[in-house]
Amino acid sequence: ALEGGVTVSMRLGYRAAVCVSEEEKNEEGDTEGDGGTNLDYREREGKYPGDARVSLLYAGSEESKRDDEDDNMNSKQSKSRPPVALVHNLSKEYVLHSLKTSPLVQRYKLDNNNKNATTKNVRLISLAHNPETQIAAYLISNATTQTTPEKNKGKDAALLSPEAREYMKKSLTSAFVGYEQAVRKGYIDGYGVCSNGLSLPEGHDMAMSWRDVLECAVDAFVEVKGGDIRPQEKQENHDQQYQRSSLKVIRLPGNVLETRGLD
């Protein structure tokens, strides 16, 4: 192992999810723990609070399937394949589920629980990927259309933009709450953010500030720790180690075209 160990980072936020209606979900027997479904219960769009569709990966199709119950080889029945969407989510529920079921996290826990190991060789950091996507999702879902909520009808982008930013910060705080809990459970060593929005001009709708990240990290820490950041054990010397957030990394683009984040 490298001297001092190695840090491995993983990004979390996007996933492919099957698009099914409530009626289709019930027909498929889409219930947690049941083995009689051909749809992954946890990968259904809308399973987690805050699911935001980014794009459609697969539009769905109709195909012919042999009727196994019919001896007639020419007898077929139509079976549809549901659409698949690219979904973005930063809820604490999704964060904890993703980490708990991650093969990388399982391997990390196995290696670090090795009683024969004298040092911790691997540190695992999970990064909330592109939280600014939640800004776009809010703006799109609240644009003036026939389905626009009554409270938002007639609002222009200038009024919706601050609301969208607050929505993003709530989503990011929720993710950080999940991360703080994951650190306590031993899933990861810390967390961070990987965002293109940190290199966008301040006037851009999807621009983010490092101050937003720190504010969300503080709010999440206080929610999980209950606001008590005092040392767990008092020491005689004055160099007491207070509890602190598990935020470790802020990753952003830095190149000849995206330079704002380096200022």
C-alpha atoms as a PDB file:
ATOM      1  CA  ALA A   1       0.000   0.000   0.000  1.00  0.00           C
ATOM      2  CA  LEU A   2       1.045   3.596  -0.523  1.00  0.00           C
ATOM      3  CA  GLU A   3       2.575   5.349   2.450  1.00  0.00           C
ATOM      4  CA  GLY A   4      -0.219   7.117   4.263  1.00  0.00           C
ATOM      5  CA  GLY A   5      -2.854   5.211   2.311  1.00  0.00           C
ATOM      6  CA  VAL A   6      -4.840   6.147  -0.783  1.00  0.00           C
ATOM      7  CA  THR A   7      -8.069   8.126  -1.158  1.00  0.00           C
ATOM      8  CA  VAL A   8     -10.749   6.820  -3.508  1.00  0.00           C
ATOM      9  CA  SER A   9     -13.626   9.069  -4.574  1.00  0.00           C
ATOM     10  CA  MET A  10     -16.998   8.082  -6.031  1.00  0.00           C
ATOM     11  CA  ARG A  11     -19.732  10.266  -7.494  1.00  0.00           C
ATOM     12  CA  LEU A  12     -23.409   9.920  -6.663  1.00  0.00           C
ATOM     13  CA  GLY A  13     -26.493  11.620  -8.078  1.00  0.00           C
ATOM     14  CA  TYR A  14     -27.515  10.179 -11.443  1.00  0.00           C
ATOM     15  CA  ARG A  15     -29.154   6.838 -12.153  1.00  0.00           C
ATOM     16  CA  ALA A  16     -31.167   5.089 -14.854  1.00  0.00           C
ATOM     17  CA  ALA A  17     -34.759   4.484 -13.713  1.00  0.00           C
ATOM     18  CA  VAL A  18     -37.721   2.663 -15.235  1.00  0.00           C
ATOM     19  CA  CYS A  19     -40.730   4.906 -15.919  1.00  0.00           C
ATOM     20  CA  VAL A  20     -43.934   3.183 -14.819  1.00  0.00           C
ATOM     21  CA  SER A  21     -47.313   4.469 -13.727  1.00  0.00           C
ATOM     22  CA  GLU A  22     -48.869   3.543 -10.407  1.00  0.00           C
ATOM     23  CA  GLU A  23     -51.255   1.232 -12.263  1.00  0.00           C
ATOM     24  CA  GLU A  24     -48.397  -0.509 -14.062  1.00  0.00           C
ATOM     25  CA  LYS A  25     -46.448  -0.736 -10.824  1.00  0.00           C
ATOM     26  CA  ASN A  26     -49.313  -2.540  -9.123  1.00  0.00           C
ATOM     27  CA  GLU A  27     -49.786  -4.872 -12.079  1.00  0.00           C
ATOM     28  CA  GLU A  28     -46.110  -5.812 -11.988  1.00  0.00           C
ATOM     29  CA  GLY A  29     -46.293  -6.562  -8.275  1.00  0.00           C
ATOM     30  CA  ASP A  30     -43.670  -3.893  -7.631  1.00  0.00           C
ATOM     31  CA  THR A  31     -43.377  -4.246  -3.880  1.00  0.00           C
ATOM     32  CA  GLU A  32     -40.194  -4.268  -1.839  1.00  0.00           C
ATOM     33  CA  GLY A  33     -39.108  -7.750  -0.893  1.00  0.00           C
ATOM     34  CA  ASP A  34     -41.289  -9.516  -3.464  1.00  0.00           C
ATOM     35  CA  GLY A  35     -39.430 -11.680  -5.929  1.00  0.00           C
ATOM     36  CA  GLY A  36     -42.222 -11.925  -8.475  1.00  0.00           C
ATOM     37  CA  THR A  37     -41.499  -8.714 -10.341  1.00  0.00           C
ATOM     38  CA  ASN A  38     -39.462  -8.090 -13.460  1.00  0.00           C
ATOM     39  CA  LEU A  39     -38.920  -4.442 -12.560  1.00  0.00           C
ATOM     40  CA  ASP A  40     -36.295  -3.329 -10.065  1.00  0.00           C
ATOM     41  CA  TYR A  41     -38.317  -1.770  -7.242  1.00  0.00           C
ATOM     42  CA  ARG A  42     -35.542   0.567  -6.188  1.00  0.00           C
ATOM     43  CA  GLU A  43     -34.756   1.764  -9.694  1.00  0.00           C
ATOM     44  CA  ARG A  44     -38.275   2.935 -10.509  1.00  0.00           C
ATOM     45  CA  GLU A  45     -38.594   6.645 -11.247  1.00  0.00           C
ATOM     46  CA  GLY A  46     -40.229   8.373  -8.299  1.00  0.00           C
ATOM     47  CA  LYS A  47     -39.089   5.791  -5.755  1.00  0.00           C
ATOM     48  CA  TYR A  48     -37.070   8.399  -3.843  1.00  0.00           C
ATOM     49  CA  PRO A  49     -38.209  11.897  -2.845  1.00  0.00           C
ATOM     50  CA  GLY A  50     -36.725  14.562  -5.104  1.00  0.00           C
ATOM     51  CA  ASP A  51     -36.349  12.418  -8.237  1.00  0.00           C
ATOM     52  CA  ALA A  52     -35.740  14.833 -11.139  1.00  0.00           C
ATOM     53  CA  ARG A  53     -35.840  13.560 -14.709  1.00  0.00           C
ATOM     54  CA  VAL A  54     -32.899  14.814 -16.763  1.00  0.00           C
ATOM     55  CA  SER A  55     -33.551  13.053 -20.072  1.00  0.00           C
ATOM     56  CA  LEU A  56     -35.110   9.980 -21.630  1.00  0.00           C
ATOM     57  CA  LEU A  57     -32.576   7.231 -22.262  1.00  0.00           C
ATOM     58  CA  TYR A  58     -34.982   4.750 -23.838  1.00  0.00           C
ATOM     59  CA  ALA A  59     -38.415   5.574 -25.225  1.00  0.00           C
ATOM     60  CA  GLY A  60     -39.870   2.109 -24.682  1.00  0.00           C
ATOM     61  CA  SER A  61     -41.083  -0.360 -27.279  1.00  0.00           C
ATOM     62  CA  GLU A  62     -43.473  -3.161 -28.110  1.00  0.00           C
ATOM     63  CA  GLU A  63     -42.114  -6.627 -28.750  1.00  0.00           C
ATOM     64  CA  SER A  64     -43.527 -10.067 -29.280  1.00  0.00           C
ATOM     65  CA  LYS A  65     -43.148 -12.660 -26.591  1.00  0.00           C
ATOM     66  CA  ARG A  66     -43.903 -16.370 -26.892  1.00  0.00           C
ATOM     67  CA  ASP A  67     -46.867 -17.510 -24.867  1.00  0.00           C
ATOM     68  CA  ASP A  68     -45.355 -20.307 -22.801  1.00  0.00           C
ATOM     69  CA  GLU A  69     -48.779 -21.487 -21.723  1.00  0.00           C
ATOM     70  CA  ASP A  70     -49.895 -22.102 -25.276  1.00  0.00           C
ATOM     71  CA  ASP A  71     -48.681 -25.152 -27.180  1.00  0.00           C
ATOM     72  CA  ASN A  72     -49.246 -23.362 -30.450  1.00  0.00           C
ATOM     73  CA  MET A  73     -45.807 -22.167 -31.591  1.00  0.00           C
ATOM     74  CA  ASN A  74     -47.382 -19.349 -33.597  1.00  0.00           C
ATOM     75  CA  SER A  75     -49.313 -17.948 -30.681  1.00  0.00           C
ATOM     76  CA  LYS A  76     -47.734 -14.747 -29.368  1.00  0.00           C
ATOM     77  CA  GLN A  77     -48.737 -11.952 -27.099  1.00  0.00           C
ATOM     78  CA  SER A  78     -47.647  -8.360 -27.080  1.00  0.00           C
ATOM     79  CA  LYS A  79     -45.464  -7.197 -24.219  1.00  0.00           C
ATOM     80  CA  SER A  80     -44.348  -3.597 -23.776  1.00  0.00           C
ATOM     81  CA  ARG A  81     -41.006  -2.488 -22.476  1.00  0.00           C
ATOM     82  CA  PRO A  82     -41.326   0.649 -20.334  1.00  0.00           C
ATOM     83  CA  PRO A  83     -39.279   3.779 -20.991  1.00  0.00           C
ATOM     84  CA  VAL A  84     -36.073   4.387 -19.061  1.00  0.00           C
ATOM     85  CA  ALA A  85     -35.121   7.865 -17.856  1.00  0.00           C
ATOM     86  CA  LEU A  86     -31.938   9.451 -16.585  1.00  0.00           C
ATOM     87  CA  VAL A  87     -32.843  10.678 -13.099  1.00  0.00           C
ATOM     88  CA  HIS A  88     -30.986  12.935 -10.685  1.00  0.00           C
ATOM     89  CA  ASN A  89     -31.486  12.678  -6.927  1.00  0.00           C
ATOM     90  CA  LEU A  90     -29.715  13.987  -3.827  1.00  0.00           C
ATOM     91  CA  SER A  91     -32.129  12.945  -1.090  1.00  0.00           C
ATOM     92  CA  LYS A  92     -30.707  11.391   2.057  1.00  0.00           C
ATOM     93  CA  GLU A  93     -32.825   8.290   1.369  1.00  0.00           C
ATOM     94  CA  TYR A  94     -31.202   7.788  -2.013  1.00  0.00           C
ATOM     95  CA  VAL A  95     -27.720   8.537  -0.680  1.00  0.00           C
ATOM     96  CA  LEU A  96     -27.976   5.971   2.098  1.00  0.00           C
ATOM     97  CA  HIS A  97     -29.493   3.306  -0.152  1.00  0.00           C
ATOM     98  CA  SER A  98     -26.840   3.833  -2.833  1.00  0.00           C
ATOM     99  CA  LEU A  99     -23.977   3.624  -0.359  1.00  0.00           C
ATOM    100  CA  LYS A 100     -25.427   0.666   1.520  1.00  0.00           C
ATOM    101  CA  THR A 101     -25.785  -1.361  -1.687  1.00  0.00           C
ATOM    102  CA  SER A 102     -22.568  -0.188  -3.374  1.00  0.00           C
ATOM    103  CA  PRO A 103     -20.026  -2.973  -4.117  1.00  0.00           C
ATOM    104  CA  LEU A 104     -17.270  -0.411  -3.609  1.00  0.00           C
ATOM    105  CA  VAL A 105     -18.522   0.425  -0.118  1.00  0.00           C
ATOM    106  CA  GLN A 106     -18.847  -3.262   0.722  1.00  0.00           C
ATOM    107  CA  ARG A 107     -15.242  -3.839  -0.374  1.00  0.00           C
ATOM    108  CA  TYR A 108     -14.095  -0.809   1.586  1.00  0.00           C
ATOM    109  CA  LYS A 109     -15.772  -2.056   4.765  1.00  0.00           C
ATOM    110  CA  LEU A 110     -14.299  -5.521   4.274  1.00  0.00           C
ATOM    111  CA  ASP A 111     -10.750  -4.204   3.857  1.00  0.00           C
ATOM    112  CA  ASN A 112     -10.927  -1.784   6.762  1.00  0.00           C
ATOM    113  CA  ASN A 113     -12.503  -4.322   9.107  1.00  0.00           C
ATOM    114  CA  ASN A 114      -9.574  -6.677   8.565  1.00  0.00           C
ATOM    115  CA  LYS A 115      -8.259  -7.368  12.054  1.00  0.00           C
ATOM    116  CA  ASN A 116      -4.838  -8.291  10.672  1.00  0.00           C
ATOM    117  CA  ALA A 117      -4.357  -4.876   9.060  1.00  0.00           C
ATOM    118  CA  THR A 118      -2.110  -2.546  11.062  1.00  0.00           C
ATOM    119  CA  THR A 119      -3.078   0.608   9.157  1.00  0.00           C
ATOM    120  CA  LYS A 120      -6.064   1.930   7.246  1.00  0.00           C
ATOM    121  CA  ASN A 121      -4.871   1.840   3.638  1.00  0.00           C
ATOM    122  CA  VAL A 122      -7.961   3.176   1.857  1.00  0.00           C
ATOM    123  CA  ARG A 123     -10.093   6.242   2.517  1.00  0.00           C
ATOM    124  CA  LEU A 124     -13.416   6.396   0.662  1.00  0.00           C
ATOM    125  CA  ILE A 125     -15.015   9.761  -0.192  1.00  0.00           C
ATOM    126  CA  SER A 126     -18.416  10.087  -1.857  1.00  0.00           C
ATOM    127  CA  LEU A 127     -19.175  13.193  -3.929  1.00  0.00           C
ATOM    128  CA  ALA A 128     -22.604  14.708  -4.581  1.00  0.00           C
ATOM    129  CA  HIS A 129     -22.555  15.050  -8.370  1.00  0.00           C
ATOM    130  CA  ASN A 130     -23.790  18.247 -10.041  1.00  0.00           C
ATOM    131  CA  PRO A 131     -26.268  19.494  -7.409  1.00  0.00           C
ATOM    132  CA  GLU A 132     -27.062  22.409  -9.754  1.00  0.00           C
ATOM    133  CA  THR A 133     -29.132  19.920 -11.775  1.00  0.00           C
ATOM    134  CA  GLN A 134     -31.801  20.373  -9.105  1.00  0.00           C
ATOM    135  CA  ILE A 135     -31.991  24.083 -10.030  1.00  0.00           C
ATOM    136  CA  ALA A 136     -32.793  23.201 -13.641  1.00  0.00           C
ATOM    137  CA  ALA A 137     -35.328  20.595 -12.515  1.00  0.00           C
ATOM    138  CA  TYR A 138     -37.166  23.162 -10.386  1.00  0.00           C
ATOM    139  CA  LEU A 139     -37.216  25.776 -13.147  1.00  0.00           C
ATOM    140  CA  ILE A 140     -38.506  23.272 -15.710  1.00  0.00           C
ATOM    141  CA  SER A 141     -41.193  21.824 -13.446  1.00  0.00           C
ATOM    142  CA  ASN A 142     -42.419  25.300 -12.455  1.00  0.00           C
ATOM    143  CA  ALA A 143     -42.349  26.907 -15.894  1.00  0.00           C
ATOM    144  CA  THR A 144     -45.627  28.509 -16.921  1.00  0.00           C
ATOM    145  CA  THR A 145     -47.638  25.681 -18.465  1.00  0.00           C
ATOM    146  CA  GLN A 146     -51.099  24.233 -18.107  1.00  0.00           C
ATOM    147  CA  THR A 147     -49.814  22.054 -15.265  1.00  0.00           C
ATOM    148  CA  THR A 148     -48.010  24.826 -13.416  1.00  0.00           C
ATOM    149  CA  PRO A 149     -48.953  25.004  -9.711  1.00  0.00           C
ATOM    150  CA  GLU A 150     -51.379  27.881  -9.080  1.00  0.00           C
ATOM    151  CA  LYS A 151     -48.942  29.687  -6.764  1.00  0.00           C
ATOM    152  CA  ASN A 152     -46.308  29.874  -9.522  1.00  0.00           C
ATOM    153  CA  LYS A 153     -48.518  30.898 -12.448  1.00  0.00           C
ATOM    154  CA  GLY A 154     -47.416  34.184 -13.972  1.00  0.00           C
ATOM    155  CA  LYS A 155     -43.979  34.130 -12.310  1.00  0.00           C
ATOM    156  CA  ASP A 156     -41.053  34.942 -14.547  1.00  0.00           C
ATOM    157  CA  ALA A 157     -37.578  33.421 -14.398  1.00  0.00           C
ATOM    158  CA  ALA A 158     -36.271  36.280 -12.240  1.00  0.00           C
ATOM    159  CA  LEU A 159     -38.693  35.325  -9.473  1.00  0.00           C
ATOM    160  CA  LEU A 160     -38.343  31.568  -9.863  1.00  0.00           C
ATOM    161  CA  SER A 161     -34.534  31.579  -9.889  1.00  0.00           C
ATOM    162  CA  PRO A 162     -34.091  32.394  -6.153  1.00  0.00           C
ATOM    163  CA  GLU A 163     -36.688  29.753  -5.283  1.00  0.00           C
ATOM    164  CA  ALA A 164     -34.872  27.235  -7.460  1.00  0.00           C
ATOM    165  CA  ARG A 165     -31.599  27.998  -5.691  1.00  0.00           C
ATOM    166  CA  GLU A 166     -33.191  27.440  -2.296  1.00  0.00           C
ATOM    167  CA  TYR A 167     -34.663  24.181  -3.578  1.00  0.00           C
ATOM    168  CA  MET A 168     -31.191  23.065  -4.664  1.00  0.00           C
ATOM    169  CA  LYS A 169     -29.720  23.946  -1.275  1.00  0.00           C
ATOM    170  CA  LYS A 170     -32.403  21.934   0.505  1.00  0.00           C
ATOM    171  CA  SER A 171     -31.625  18.966  -1.761  1.00  0.00           C
ATOM    172  CA  LEU A 172     -27.891  19.307  -1.145  1.00  0.00           C
ATOM    173  CA  THR A 173     -28.429  19.593   2.607  1.00  0.00           C
ATOM    174  CA  SER A 174     -30.498  16.411   2.498  1.00  0.00           C
ATOM    175  CA  ALA A 175     -27.647  14.642   0.677  1.00  0.00           C
ATOM    176  CA  PHE A 176     -25.152  15.880   3.263  1.00  0.00           C
ATOM    177  CA  VAL A 177     -27.385  14.626   6.082  1.00  0.00           C
ATOM    178  CA  GLY A 178     -27.292  11.201   4.447  1.00  0.00           C
ATOM    179  CA  TYR A 179     -23.521  11.448   4.103  1.00  0.00           C
ATOM    180  CA  GLU A 180     -23.029  12.416   7.758  1.00  0.00           C
ATOM    181  CA  GLN A 181     -25.119   9.419   8.762  1.00  0.00           C
ATOM    182  CA  ALA A 182     -23.126   7.219   6.373  1.00  0.00           C
ATOM    183  CA  VAL A 183     -19.872   8.313   8.024  1.00  0.00           C
ATOM    184  CA  ARG A 184     -21.278   7.334  11.404  1.00  0.00           C
ATOM    185  CA  LYS A 185     -22.293   3.940   9.996  1.00  0.00           C
ATOM    186  CA  GLY A 186     -18.784   3.361   8.634  1.00  0.00           C
ATOM    187  CA  TYR A 187     -19.798   3.376   4.950  1.00  0.00           C
ATOM    188  CA  ILE A 188     -17.408   6.196   3.994  1.00  0.00           C
ATOM    189  CA  ASP A 189     -14.721   8.408   5.532  1.00  0.00           C
ATOM    190  CA  GLY A 190     -16.158  11.672   4.305  1.00  0.00           C
ATOM    191  CA  TYR A 191     -18.014  13.403   1.509  1.00  0.00           C
ATOM    192  CA  GLY A 192     -17.808  16.278  -0.915  1.00  0.00           C
ATOM    193  CA  VAL A 193     -19.192  17.911  -4.039  1.00  0.00           C
ATOM    194  CA  CYS A 194     -18.318  17.509  -7.705  1.00  0.00           C
ATOM    195  CA  SER A 195     -19.974  20.377  -9.579  1.00  0.00           C
ATOM    196  CA  ASN A 196     -19.734  22.108 -12.936  1.00  0.00           C
ATOM    197  CA  GLY A 197     -21.843  24.901 -11.458  1.00  0.00           C
ATOM    198  CA  LEU A 198     -18.912  26.061  -9.331  1.00  0.00           C
ATOM    199  CA  SER A 199     -17.193  27.306 -12.486  1.00  0.00           C
ATOM    200  CA  LEU A 200     -20.187  29.132 -13.990  1.00  0.00           C
ATOM    201  CA  PRO A 201     -20.530  32.961 -13.911  1.00  0.00           C
ATOM    202  CA  GLU A 202     -22.508  34.312 -10.970  1.00  0.00           C
ATOM    203  CA  GLY A 203     -25.343  35.478 -13.214  1.00  0.00           C
ATOM    204  CA  HIS A 204     -25.913  32.007 -14.653  1.00  0.00           C
ATOM    205  CA  ASP A 205     -29.081  30.261 -13.464  1.00  0.00           C
ATOM    206  CA  MET A 206     -27.141  27.111 -12.549  1.00  0.00           C
ATOM    207  CA  ALA A 207     -24.130  28.797 -10.966  1.00  0.00           C
ATOM    208  CA  MET A 208     -23.076  27.614  -7.511  1.00  0.00           C
ATOM    209  CA  SER A 209     -20.844  29.140  -4.878  1.00  0.00           C
ATOM    210  CA  TRP A 210     -18.507  27.375  -2.484  1.00  0.00           C
ATOM    211  CA  ARG A 211     -20.401  29.297   0.204  1.00  0.00           C
ATOM    212  CA  ASP A 212     -23.538  27.328  -0.712  1.00  0.00           C
ATOM    213  CA  VAL A 213     -21.626  24.092  -0.152  1.00  0.00           C
ATOM    214  CA  LEU A 214     -20.302  25.165   3.253  1.00  0.00           C
ATOM    215  CA  GLU A 215     -23.703  26.438   4.371  1.00  0.00           C
ATOM    216  CA  CYS A 216     -25.376  23.137   3.470  1.00  0.00           C
ATOM    217  CA  ALA A 217     -22.607  21.172   5.186  1.00  0.00           C
ATOM    218  CA  VAL A 218     -23.051  23.163   8.418  1.00  0.00           C
ATOM    219  CA  ASP A 219     -26.838  22.728   8.347  1.00  0.00           C
ATOM    220  CA  ALA A 220     -26.491  18.983   7.784  1.00  0.00           C
ATOM    221  CA  PHE A 221     -23.917  18.625  10.550  1.00  0.00           C
ATOM    222  CA  VAL A 222     -26.138  20.455  13.027  1.00  0.00           C
ATOM    223  CA  GLU A 223     -29.148  18.332  12.054  1.00  0.00           C
ATOM    224  CA  VAL A 224     -27.270  15.061  12.541  1.00  0.00           C
ATOM    225  CA  LYS A 225     -25.207  16.041  15.586  1.00  0.00           C
ATOM    226  CA  GLY A 226     -27.962  18.020  17.253  1.00  0.00           C
ATOM    227  CA  GLY A 227     -25.898  21.195  17.376  1.00  0.00           C
ATOM    228  CA  ASP A 228     -23.506  19.841  20.005  1.00  0.00           C
ATOM    229  CA  ILE A 229     -19.958  20.256  18.654  1.00  0.00           C
ATOM    230  CA  ARG A 230     -18.147  20.189  22.005  1.00  0.00           C
ATOM    231  CA  PRO A 231     -15.351  17.672  22.572  1.00  0.00           C
ATOM    232  CA  GLN A 232     -16.728  14.343  23.704  1.00  0.00           C
ATOM    233  CA  GLU A 233     -14.018  14.102  26.375  1.00  0.00           C
ATOM    234  CA  LYS A 234     -12.490  17.095  28.114  1.00  0.00           C
ATOM    235  CA  GLN A 235      -8.732  17.266  28.083  1.00  0.00           C
ATOM    236  CA  GLU A 236      -6.351  19.039  30.460  1.00  0.00           C
ATOM    237  CA  ASN A 237      -4.547  20.858  27.659  1.00  0.00           C
ATOM    238  CA  HIS A 238      -6.154  23.643  25.663  1.00  0.00           C
ATOM    239  CA  ASP A 239      -5.766  21.877  22.317  1.00  0.00           C
ATOM    240  CA  GLN A 240      -9.212  20.304  22.404  1.00  0.00           C
ATOM    241  CA  GLN A 241     -10.505  18.656  19.248  1.00  0.00           C
ATOM    242  CA  TYR A 242     -14.041  19.788  18.560  1.00  0.00           C
ATOM    243  CA  GLN A 243     -16.356  17.747  16.405  1.00  0.00           C
ATOM    244  CA  ARG A 244     -16.495  18.931  12.810  1.00  0.00           C
ATOM    245  CA  SER A 245     -18.307  18.294   9.566  1.00  0.00           C
ATOM    246  CA  SER A 246     -17.243  15.313   7.448  1.00  0.00           C
ATOM    247  CA  LEU A 247     -17.055  17.519   4.330  1.00  0.00           C
ATOM    248  CA  LYS A 248     -13.641  16.799   2.772  1.00  0.00           C
ATOM    249  CA  VAL A 249     -13.654  17.714  -0.920  1.00  0.00           C
ATOM    250  CA  ILE A 250     -14.961  20.392  -3.295  1.00  0.00           C
ATOM    251  CA  ARG A 251     -14.180  19.355  -6.885  1.00  0.00           C
ATOM    252  CA  LEU A 252     -14.742  21.704  -9.807  1.00  0.00           C
ATOM    253  CA  PRO A 253     -13.548  22.179 -13.397  1.00  0.00           C
ATOM    254  CA  GLY A 254     -10.309  24.082 -13.885  1.00  0.00           C
ATOM    255  CA  ASN A 255      -9.105  24.597 -17.447  1.00  0.00           C
ATOM    256  CA  VAL A 256      -8.490  27.311 -20.054  1.00  0.00           C
ATOM    257  CA  LEU A 257     -12.238  27.677 -20.685  1.00  0.00           C
ATOM    258  CA  GLU A 258     -13.598  27.289 -17.139  1.00  0.00           C
ATOM    259  CA  THR A 259     -11.462  29.568 -14.998  1.00  0.00           C
ATOM    260  CA  ARG A 260     -13.933  31.210 -12.612  1.00  0.00           C
ATOM    261  CA  GLY A 261     -13.642  28.444 -10.034  1.00  0.00           C
ATOM    262  CA  LEU A 262      -9.926  29.155  -9.678  1.00  0.00           C
ATOM    263  CA  ASP A 263     -10.480  32.806  -8.640  1.00  0.00           C
END
